[in-house]
Amino acid sequence: MNVSSTDKTHPGNPGYSPPLHGPDEGVGPMKETAAITSRIIYEDNHILVFNKIPSEIVQGDSTGDEPLSDTLKSYIKYKYGKPGNVFLGVVHRIDRPVSGAVLFAKTGKALARLNEMMKKREIRKIYLAWVKTPLPGETGELIHHLKRDSARNISLLCKPSNPAGKEARLNYRFLAATDRYCLYEIELITGRHHQIRAQLAAAGSPVKGDVKYGFSRANPDRSIHLHARKISFIHPVQNEQVEFSAETPVDALWDFINKI
């Protein structure tokens, strides 16, 4: 199974209009449900894959802003008329200023199996990143040791001997360039806090807009040009290989990839 957020014929993708319960279109909960549905890449009885935009948080934090996990629970409860509490498990997170595919589990069984896949590194995650300074070569691997500074919500390089550090590994591949920026495909091998952001910065190529990790200026909307493009894994119940792709945000740089 291979599903893209640009596939108009697939349930949950932009352009698809499943039957919803409730008041007329455009009024109250119906309007909100339609807005959520337009960013659902895939949904079945067991999993939900959602295209997150920058500024949204996946799980609750100290800001008190409503997380996607709660928003999607409300969507499920309203759309399907579910009584009581709705279960929705967070399989992984992406940072607030990052966009792209996020995987949720709709049952405890699916969540347990997906969590085990995450531990075994059986869930493949591909990102797109725009940077100003080119990385060495057309392809390459970055290996660092990172330690998390929770007080500043940042990950820092450390020596391999540091007990607080964890190995961080990723692969990169050059895709395209404009006259100012370079686009890379990033495959995460490990999953550390702020890993791509910290490792690209350590390599001298911070993500565009990521002032926390050394880029010269912020993007106007406080996003960064890092996008979770694809996620693939064995479906936790159907036991078949699935891959899902998330459409990029709308701006001049992201739109550039549609021309290559």
C-alpha atoms as a PDB file:
ATOM      1  CA  MET A   1       0.000   0.000   0.000  1.00  0.00           C
ATOM      2  CA  ASN A   2       1.409   3.376  -1.011  1.00  0.00           C
ATOM      3  CA  VAL A   3      -0.642   6.469  -0.167  1.00  0.00           C
ATOM      4  CA  SER A   4       0.148  10.129  -0.802  1.00  0.00           C
ATOM      5  CA  SER A   5      -1.576  13.176   0.659  1.00  0.00           C
ATOM      6  CA  THR A   6      -2.017  14.306  -2.932  1.00  0.00           C
ATOM      7  CA  ASP A   7      -4.016  11.189  -3.878  1.00  0.00           C
ATOM      8  CA  LYS A   8      -7.503  12.662  -4.267  1.00  0.00           C
ATOM      9  CA  THR A   9      -9.214   9.287  -4.550  1.00  0.00           C
ATOM     10  CA  HIS A  10      -8.101   7.865  -1.224  1.00  0.00           C
ATOM     11  CA  PRO A  11     -10.329   8.261   1.852  1.00  0.00           C
ATOM     12  CA  GLY A  12      -9.038  10.991   4.140  1.00  0.00           C
ATOM     13  CA  ASN A  13      -7.004  12.818   1.505  1.00  0.00           C
ATOM     14  CA  PRO A  14      -7.709  16.299   0.103  1.00  0.00           C
ATOM     15  CA  GLY A  15     -10.626  16.177  -2.297  1.00  0.00           C
ATOM     16  CA  TYR A  16     -12.259  13.121  -0.699  1.00  0.00           C
ATOM     17  CA  SER A  17     -15.505  13.833   1.158  1.00  0.00           C
ATOM     18  CA  PRO A  18     -16.618  10.938   3.365  1.00  0.00           C
ATOM     19  CA  PRO A  19     -20.092  11.037   4.917  1.00  0.00           C
ATOM     20  CA  LEU A  20     -20.071  12.838   8.250  1.00  0.00           C
ATOM     21  CA  HIS A  21     -22.667  12.876  10.997  1.00  0.00           C
ATOM     22  CA  GLY A  22     -24.052  16.109  12.356  1.00  0.00           C
ATOM     23  CA  PRO A  23     -25.243  19.514  11.139  1.00  0.00           C
ATOM     24  CA  ASP A  24     -24.967  20.958   7.647  1.00  0.00           C
ATOM     25  CA  GLU A  25     -21.561  21.509   6.032  1.00  0.00           C
ATOM     26  CA  GLY A  26     -19.774  24.667   7.160  1.00  0.00           C
ATOM     27  CA  VAL A  27     -21.470  24.907  10.543  1.00  0.00           C
ATOM     28  CA  GLY A  28     -19.718  24.294  13.861  1.00  0.00           C
ATOM     29  CA  PRO A  29     -18.236  20.803  14.348  1.00  0.00           C
ATOM     30  CA  MET A  30     -18.930  19.790  10.733  1.00  0.00           C
ATOM     31  CA  LYS A  31     -16.669  22.566   9.429  1.00  0.00           C
ATOM     32  CA  GLU A  32     -13.924  21.625  11.898  1.00  0.00           C
ATOM     33  CA  THR A  33     -14.201  17.938  10.985  1.00  0.00           C
ATOM     34  CA  ALA A  34     -13.864  18.742   7.276  1.00  0.00           C
ATOM     35  CA  ALA A  35     -10.739  20.817   7.985  1.00  0.00           C
ATOM     36  CA  ILE A  36      -9.151  17.919   9.850  1.00  0.00           C
ATOM     37  CA  THR A  37     -10.186  15.378   7.198  1.00  0.00           C
ATOM     38  CA  SER A  38      -8.399  17.383   4.505  1.00  0.00           C
ATOM     39  CA  ARG A  39      -5.068  16.659   6.219  1.00  0.00           C
ATOM     40  CA  ILE A  40      -5.602  12.980   6.962  1.00  0.00           C
ATOM     41  CA  ILE A  41      -3.250  11.014   4.710  1.00  0.00           C
ATOM     42  CA  TYR A  42      -4.644   7.627   5.713  1.00  0.00           C
ATOM     43  CA  GLU A  43      -7.073   6.223   8.257  1.00  0.00           C
ATOM     44  CA  ASP A  44      -8.448   2.765   9.007  1.00  0.00           C
ATOM     45  CA  ASN A  45      -9.682   1.031  12.150  1.00  0.00           C
ATOM     46  CA  HIS A  46      -6.158   0.701  13.529  1.00  0.00           C
ATOM     47  CA  ILE A  47      -3.972   3.640  12.455  1.00  0.00           C
ATOM     48  CA  LEU A  48      -4.217   7.280  11.436  1.00  0.00           C
ATOM     49  CA  VAL A  49      -1.527   9.182   9.515  1.00  0.00           C
ATOM     50  CA  PHE A  50      -1.835  12.968   9.679  1.00  0.00           C
ATOM     51  CA  ASN A  51      -0.098  15.832   7.865  1.00  0.00           C
ATOM     52  CA  LYS A  52       0.959  18.226  10.607  1.00  0.00           C
ATOM     53  CA  ILE A  53       1.564  21.892   9.868  1.00  0.00           C
ATOM     54  CA  PRO A  54       4.206  24.014  11.649  1.00  0.00           C
ATOM     55  CA  SER A  55       2.958  25.535  14.929  1.00  0.00           C
ATOM     56  CA  GLU A  56       0.997  22.417  15.915  1.00  0.00           C
ATOM     57  CA  ILE A  57       2.215  20.237  18.784  1.00  0.00           C
ATOM     58  CA  VAL A  58       1.762  16.475  18.707  1.00  0.00           C
ATOM     59  CA  GLN A  59       1.429  15.989  22.471  1.00  0.00           C
ATOM     60  CA  GLY A  60       0.619  18.414  25.279  1.00  0.00           C
ATOM     61  CA  ASP A  61       3.419  20.533  26.715  1.00  0.00           C
ATOM     62  CA  SER A  62       3.972  23.457  29.104  1.00  0.00           C
ATOM     63  CA  THR A  63       2.367  25.936  26.661  1.00  0.00           C
ATOM     64  CA  GLY A  64      -1.078  24.557  27.362  1.00  0.00           C
ATOM     65  CA  ASP A  65      -1.895  24.645  23.629  1.00  0.00           C
ATOM     66  CA  GLU A  66      -4.205  21.900  22.410  1.00  0.00           C
ATOM     67  CA  PRO A  67      -2.132  19.042  20.989  1.00  0.00           C
ATOM     68  CA  LEU A  68      -2.953  17.121  17.832  1.00  0.00           C
ATOM     69  CA  SER A  69      -3.610  14.035  19.925  1.00  0.00           C
ATOM     70  CA  ASP A  70      -6.581  15.818  21.554  1.00  0.00           C
ATOM     71  CA  THR A  71      -7.768  17.453  18.323  1.00  0.00           C
ATOM     72  CA  LEU A  72      -7.843  14.087  16.562  1.00  0.00           C
ATOM     73  CA  LYS A  73      -9.607  12.401  19.463  1.00  0.00           C
ATOM     74  CA  SER A  74     -12.356  15.017  19.145  1.00  0.00           C
ATOM     75  CA  TYR A  75     -12.483  14.426  15.387  1.00  0.00           C
ATOM     76  CA  ILE A  76     -12.873  10.641  15.862  1.00  0.00           C
ATOM     77  CA  LYS A  77     -15.474  11.067  18.582  1.00  0.00           C
ATOM     78  CA  TYR A  78     -17.579  13.439  16.478  1.00  0.00           C
ATOM     79  CA  LYS A  79     -17.189  11.760  13.076  1.00  0.00           C
ATOM     80  CA  TYR A  80     -18.039   8.270  14.281  1.00  0.00           C
ATOM     81  CA  GLY A  81     -20.384   9.232  17.106  1.00  0.00           C
ATOM     82  CA  LYS A  82     -18.259   7.398  19.682  1.00  0.00           C
ATOM     83  CA  PRO A  83     -19.482   7.571  23.300  1.00  0.00           C
ATOM     84  CA  GLY A  84     -17.085   8.052  26.208  1.00  0.00           C
ATOM     85  CA  ASN A  85     -13.349   8.475  25.917  1.00  0.00           C
ATOM     86  CA  VAL A  86     -11.615   7.925  22.577  1.00  0.00           C
ATOM     87  CA  PHE A  87      -8.316   6.039  22.426  1.00  0.00           C
ATOM     88  CA  LEU A  88      -5.550   7.497  20.279  1.00  0.00           C
ATOM     89  CA  GLY A  89      -1.920   6.586  20.903  1.00  0.00           C
ATOM     90  CA  VAL A  90       1.024   8.743  19.826  1.00  0.00           C
ATOM     91  CA  VAL A  91       3.578   6.545  18.059  1.00  0.00           C
ATOM     92  CA  HIS A  92       6.174   9.268  17.466  1.00  0.00           C
ATOM     93  CA  ARG A  93       6.474  13.053  17.520  1.00  0.00           C
ATOM     94  CA  ILE A  94       7.908  15.728  15.280  1.00  0.00           C
ATOM     95  CA  ASP A  95       8.972  19.145  16.556  1.00  0.00           C
ATOM     96  CA  ARG A  96       6.565  22.062  16.683  1.00  0.00           C
ATOM     97  CA  PRO A  97       8.148  24.098  13.819  1.00  0.00           C
ATOM     98  CA  VAL A  98       8.422  20.974  11.618  1.00  0.00           C
ATOM     99  CA  SER A  99       5.706  19.813   9.205  1.00  0.00           C
ATOM    100  CA  GLY A 100       4.756  16.437   7.809  1.00  0.00           C
ATOM    101  CA  ALA A 101       3.567  12.908   8.477  1.00  0.00           C
ATOM    102  CA  VAL A 102       2.753  11.847  12.037  1.00  0.00           C
ATOM    103  CA  LEU A 103       1.566   8.342  12.896  1.00  0.00           C
ATOM    104  CA  PHE A 104      -1.106   7.605  15.511  1.00  0.00           C
ATOM    105  CA  ALA A 105      -2.582   4.308  16.713  1.00  0.00           C
ATOM    106  CA  LYS A 106      -6.348   3.975  17.138  1.00  0.00           C
ATOM    107  CA  THR A 107      -6.187   0.816  19.265  1.00  0.00           C
ATOM    108  CA  GLY A 108      -4.020  -0.379  22.113  1.00  0.00           C
ATOM    109  CA  LYS A 109      -3.030  -3.440  20.091  1.00  0.00           C
ATOM    110  CA  ALA A 110      -1.790  -1.318  17.201  1.00  0.00           C
ATOM    111  CA  LEU A 111       0.057   1.032  19.553  1.00  0.00           C
ATOM    112  CA  ALA A 112       1.912  -1.802  21.291  1.00  0.00           C
ATOM    113  CA  ARG A 113       3.031  -3.307  17.978  1.00  0.00           C
ATOM    114  CA  LEU A 114       4.073   0.056  16.516  1.00  0.00           C
ATOM    115  CA  ASN A 115       5.985   0.963  19.680  1.00  0.00           C
ATOM    116  CA  GLU A 116       7.883  -2.302  19.361  1.00  0.00           C
ATOM    117  CA  MET A 117       8.682  -1.499  15.724  1.00  0.00           C
ATOM    118  CA  MET A 118       9.988   1.907  16.792  1.00  0.00           C
ATOM    119  CA  LYS A 119      12.312   0.269  19.329  1.00  0.00           C
ATOM    120  CA  LYS A 120      13.599  -2.125  16.681  1.00  0.00           C
ATOM    121  CA  ARG A 121      13.976   0.722  14.136  1.00  0.00           C
ATOM    122  CA  GLU A 122      11.556  -0.971  11.765  1.00  0.00           C
ATOM    123  CA  ILE A 123       9.664   2.238  10.955  1.00  0.00           C
ATOM    124  CA  ARG A 124      11.426   4.110   8.153  1.00  0.00           C
ATOM    125  CA  LYS A 125      11.174   7.911   8.220  1.00  0.00           C
ATOM    126  CA  ILE A 126      12.285  10.182   5.378  1.00  0.00           C
ATOM    127  CA  TYR A 127      12.534  13.965   5.731  1.00  0.00           C
ATOM    128  CA  LEU A 128      13.190  16.868   3.377  1.00  0.00           C
ATOM    129  CA  ALA A 129      15.433  19.706   4.567  1.00  0.00           C
ATOM    130  CA  TRP A 130      16.437  23.012   2.995  1.00  0.00           C
ATOM    131  CA  VAL A 131      19.833  24.323   4.117  1.00  0.00           C
ATOM    132  CA  LYS A 132      22.062  27.175   2.989  1.00  0.00           C
ATOM    133  CA  THR A 133      25.457  25.486   3.213  1.00  0.00           C
ATOM    134  CA  PRO A 134      25.948  22.288   1.149  1.00  0.00           C
ATOM    135  CA  LEU A 135      26.865  19.045   2.885  1.00  0.00           C
ATOM    136  CA  PRO A 136      29.901  17.082   1.658  1.00  0.00           C
ATOM    137  CA  GLY A 137      29.229  14.967  -1.427  1.00  0.00           C
ATOM    138  CA  GLU A 138      26.001  13.889  -3.124  1.00  0.00           C
ATOM    139  CA  THR A 139      25.294  11.355  -0.364  1.00  0.00           C
ATOM    140  CA  GLY A 140      26.705  10.763   3.069  1.00  0.00           C
ATOM    141  CA  GLU A 141      26.212   9.734   6.667  1.00  0.00           C
ATOM    142  CA  LEU A 142      26.381  11.862   9.799  1.00  0.00           C
ATOM    143  CA  ILE A 143      27.286  10.252  13.114  1.00  0.00           C
ATOM    144  CA  HIS A 144      27.396  12.246  16.347  1.00  0.00           C
ATOM    145  CA  HIS A 145      26.719  11.784  20.019  1.00  0.00           C
ATOM    146  CA  LEU A 146      24.021  14.040  21.428  1.00  0.00           C
ATOM    147  CA  LYS A 147      22.894  14.916  24.912  1.00  0.00           C
ATOM    148  CA  ARG A 148      19.634  16.654  25.706  1.00  0.00           C
ATOM    149  CA  ASP A 149      19.552  19.916  27.639  1.00  0.00           C
ATOM    150  CA  SER A 150      15.972  19.886  28.928  1.00  0.00           C
ATOM    151  CA  ALA A 151      16.218  23.318  30.521  1.00  0.00           C
ATOM    152  CA  ARG A 152      16.862  24.933  27.124  1.00  0.00           C
ATOM    153  CA  ASN A 153      15.004  22.293  25.070  1.00  0.00           C
ATOM    154  CA  ILE A 154      18.006  21.699  22.859  1.00  0.00           C
ATOM    155  CA  SER A 155      20.343  18.829  21.968  1.00  0.00           C
ATOM    156  CA  LEU A 156      24.099  19.358  22.173  1.00  0.00           C
ATOM    157  CA  LEU A 157      27.088  17.483  20.817  1.00  0.00           C
ATOM    158  CA  CYS A 158      29.079  15.508  23.358  1.00  0.00           C
ATOM    159  CA  LYS A 159      31.908  12.985  23.446  1.00  0.00           C
ATOM    160  CA  PRO A 160      31.063   9.296  22.979  1.00  0.00           C
ATOM    161  CA  SER A 161      32.305   8.685  26.518  1.00  0.00           C
ATOM    162  CA  ASN A 162      29.686  11.032  28.019  1.00  0.00           C
ATOM    163  CA  PRO A 163      27.132   8.845  29.866  1.00  0.00           C
ATOM    164  CA  ALA A 164      24.394  11.390  29.121  1.00  0.00           C
ATOM    165  CA  GLY A 165      24.988  11.132  25.369  1.00  0.00           C
ATOM    166  CA  LYS A 166      23.381   8.862  22.793  1.00  0.00           C
ATOM    167  CA  GLU A 167      24.602   7.981  19.321  1.00  0.00           C
ATOM    168  CA  ALA A 168      22.760   9.789  16.526  1.00  0.00           C
ATOM    169  CA  ARG A 169      22.976   8.585  12.920  1.00  0.00           C
ATOM    170  CA  LEU A 170      21.342   9.746   9.706  1.00  0.00           C
ATOM    171  CA  ASN A 171      21.891   9.408   5.965  1.00  0.00           C
ATOM    172  CA  TYR A 172      21.508  12.266   3.514  1.00  0.00           C
ATOM    173  CA  ARG A 173      21.121  12.623  -0.238  1.00  0.00           C
ATOM    174  CA  PHE A 174      21.339  15.804  -2.309  1.00  0.00           C
ATOM    175  CA  LEU A 175      18.172  16.454  -4.333  1.00  0.00           C
ATOM    176  CA  ALA A 176      18.264  19.973  -5.765  1.00  0.00           C
ATOM    177  CA  ALA A 177      19.457  23.541  -5.303  1.00  0.00           C
ATOM    178  CA  THR A 178      18.299  27.087  -5.921  1.00  0.00           C
ATOM    179  CA  ASP A 179      20.684  30.013  -6.151  1.00  0.00           C
ATOM    180  CA  ARG A 180      20.590  30.288  -2.323  1.00  0.00           C
ATOM    181  CA  TYR A 181      19.612  26.969  -0.767  1.00  0.00           C
ATOM    182  CA  CYS A 182      20.158  23.214  -1.109  1.00  0.00           C
ATOM    183  CA  LEU A 183      17.521  20.526  -0.665  1.00  0.00           C
ATOM    184  CA  TYR A 184      18.409  17.199   0.965  1.00  0.00           C
ATOM    185  CA  GLU A 185      16.559  13.986   1.641  1.00  0.00           C
ATOM    186  CA  ILE A 186      17.284  12.798   5.166  1.00  0.00           C
ATOM    187  CA  GLU A 187      16.758   9.246   6.433  1.00  0.00           C
ATOM    188  CA  LEU A 188      16.798   8.855  10.186  1.00  0.00           C
ATOM    189  CA  ILE A 189      18.624   5.777  11.425  1.00  0.00           C
ATOM    190  CA  THR A 190      18.220   6.618  15.105  1.00  0.00           C
ATOM    191  CA  GLY A 191      15.541   8.778  16.695  1.00  0.00           C
ATOM    192  CA  ARG A 192      16.967  11.365  19.066  1.00  0.00           C
ATOM    193  CA  HIS A 193      15.592  14.647  20.365  1.00  0.00           C
ATOM    194  CA  HIS A 194      15.963  17.334  17.655  1.00  0.00           C
ATOM    195  CA  GLN A 195      18.310  14.921  15.877  1.00  0.00           C
ATOM    196  CA  ILE A 196      18.178  16.202  12.304  1.00  0.00           C
ATOM    197  CA  ARG A 197      18.307  19.819  13.434  1.00  0.00           C
ATOM    198  CA  ALA A 198      21.264  19.230  15.752  1.00  0.00           C
ATOM    199  CA  GLN A 199      23.235  17.044  13.356  1.00  0.00           C
ATOM    200  CA  LEU A 200      22.828  19.296  10.330  1.00  0.00           C
ATOM    201  CA  ALA A 201      23.880  22.258  12.464  1.00  0.00           C
ATOM    202  CA  ALA A 202      26.910  20.301  13.712  1.00  0.00           C
ATOM    203  CA  ALA A 203      27.837  19.651  10.076  1.00  0.00           C
ATOM    204  CA  GLY A 204      27.693  23.400   9.376  1.00  0.00           C
ATOM    205  CA  SER A 205      24.350  23.241   7.550  1.00  0.00           C
ATOM    206  CA  PRO A 206      21.524  24.308   9.893  1.00  0.00           C
ATOM    207  CA  VAL A 207      17.973  24.021   8.562  1.00  0.00           C
ATOM    208  CA  LYS A 208      16.597  27.211   7.025  1.00  0.00           C
ATOM    209  CA  GLY A 209      14.776  29.235   9.685  1.00  0.00           C
ATOM    210  CA  ASP A 210      16.136  27.209  12.608  1.00  0.00           C
ATOM    211  CA  VAL A 211      17.663  29.986  14.698  1.00  0.00           C
ATOM    212  CA  LYS A 212      17.803  27.676  17.720  1.00  0.00           C
ATOM    213  CA  TYR A 213      20.473  25.693  15.896  1.00  0.00           C
ATOM    214  CA  GLY A 214      22.375  28.538  14.302  1.00  0.00           C
ATOM    215  CA  PHE A 215      20.540  29.642  11.173  1.00  0.00           C
ATOM    216  CA  SER A 216      20.961  33.383  10.645  1.00  0.00           C
ATOM    217  CA  ARG A 217      17.296  34.419  10.725  1.00  0.00           C
ATOM    218  CA  ALA A 218      13.888  32.992  11.521  1.00  0.00           C
ATOM    219  CA  ASN A 219      11.157  32.300   8.992  1.00  0.00           C
ATOM    220  CA  PRO A 220       8.301  34.822   9.267  1.00  0.00           C
ATOM    221  CA  ASP A 221       5.851  32.176  10.526  1.00  0.00           C
ATOM    222  CA  ARG A 222       8.446  30.662  12.908  1.00  0.00           C
ATOM    223  CA  SER A 223       8.447  27.400  10.963  1.00  0.00           C
ATOM    224  CA  ILE A 224      11.648  25.737   9.829  1.00  0.00           C
ATOM    225  CA  HIS A 225      12.192  24.156   6.419  1.00  0.00           C
ATOM    226  CA  LEU A 226      12.159  20.567   7.652  1.00  0.00           C
ATOM    227  CA  HIS A 227       9.354  18.261   6.526  1.00  0.00           C
ATOM    228  CA  ALA A 228       8.544  14.648   7.425  1.00  0.00           C
ATOM    229  CA  ARG A 229       7.948  13.493   3.869  1.00  0.00           C
ATOM    230  CA  LYS A 230       7.468   9.710   4.081  1.00  0.00           C
ATOM    231  CA  ILE A 231       6.866   7.041   6.670  1.00  0.00           C
ATOM    232  CA  SER A 232       6.826   3.306   5.920  1.00  0.00           C
ATOM    233  CA  PHE A 233       6.368   0.179   8.039  1.00  0.00           C
ATOM    234  CA  ILE A 234       4.567  -3.141   8.275  1.00  0.00           C
ATOM    235  CA  HIS A 235       0.909  -2.489   9.098  1.00  0.00           C
ATOM    236  CA  PRO A 236       0.420  -3.630  12.725  1.00  0.00           C
ATOM    237  CA  VAL A 237      -2.728  -5.635  11.939  1.00  0.00           C
ATOM    238  CA  GLN A 238      -2.879  -6.228   8.174  1.00  0.00           C
ATOM    239  CA  ASN A 239       0.780  -7.333   8.183  1.00  0.00           C
ATOM    240  CA  GLU A 240       1.583  -5.724   4.825  1.00  0.00           C
ATOM    241  CA  GLN A 241       4.148  -3.093   3.898  1.00  0.00           C
ATOM    242  CA  VAL A 242       2.664   0.412   3.787  1.00  0.00           C
ATOM    243  CA  GLU A 243       4.154   3.774   2.852  1.00  0.00           C
ATOM    244  CA  PHE A 244       2.582   7.202   3.271  1.00  0.00           C
ATOM    245  CA  SER A 245       3.676  10.557   1.851  1.00  0.00           C
ATOM    246  CA  ALA A 246       2.847  14.006   3.228  1.00  0.00           C
ATOM    247  CA  GLU A 247       2.360  17.003   0.965  1.00  0.00           C
ATOM    248  CA  THR A 248       4.754  19.882   1.703  1.00  0.00           C
ATOM    249  CA  PRO A 249       3.589  23.272   3.013  1.00  0.00           C
ATOM    250  CA  VAL A 250       2.867  26.023   0.518  1.00  0.00           C
ATOM    251  CA  ASP A 251       5.712  28.482   0.029  1.00  0.00           C
ATOM    252  CA  ALA A 252       8.234  29.336  -2.692  1.00  0.00           C
ATOM    253  CA  LEU A 253      10.931  26.904  -1.546  1.00  0.00           C
ATOM    254  CA  TRP A 254       8.652  23.947  -0.949  1.00  0.00           C
ATOM    255  CA  ASP A 255       6.856  24.646  -4.225  1.00  0.00           C
ATOM    256  CA  PHE A 256      10.225  24.448  -5.971  1.00  0.00           C
ATOM    257  CA  ILE A 257      10.345  20.678  -5.468  1.00  0.00           C
ATOM    258  CA  ASN A 258       7.278  20.271  -7.665  1.00  0.00           C
ATOM    259  CA  LYS A 259       9.341  21.623 -10.566  1.00  0.00           C
ATOM    260  CA  ILE A 260      12.170  19.095 -10.298  1.00  0.00           C
END
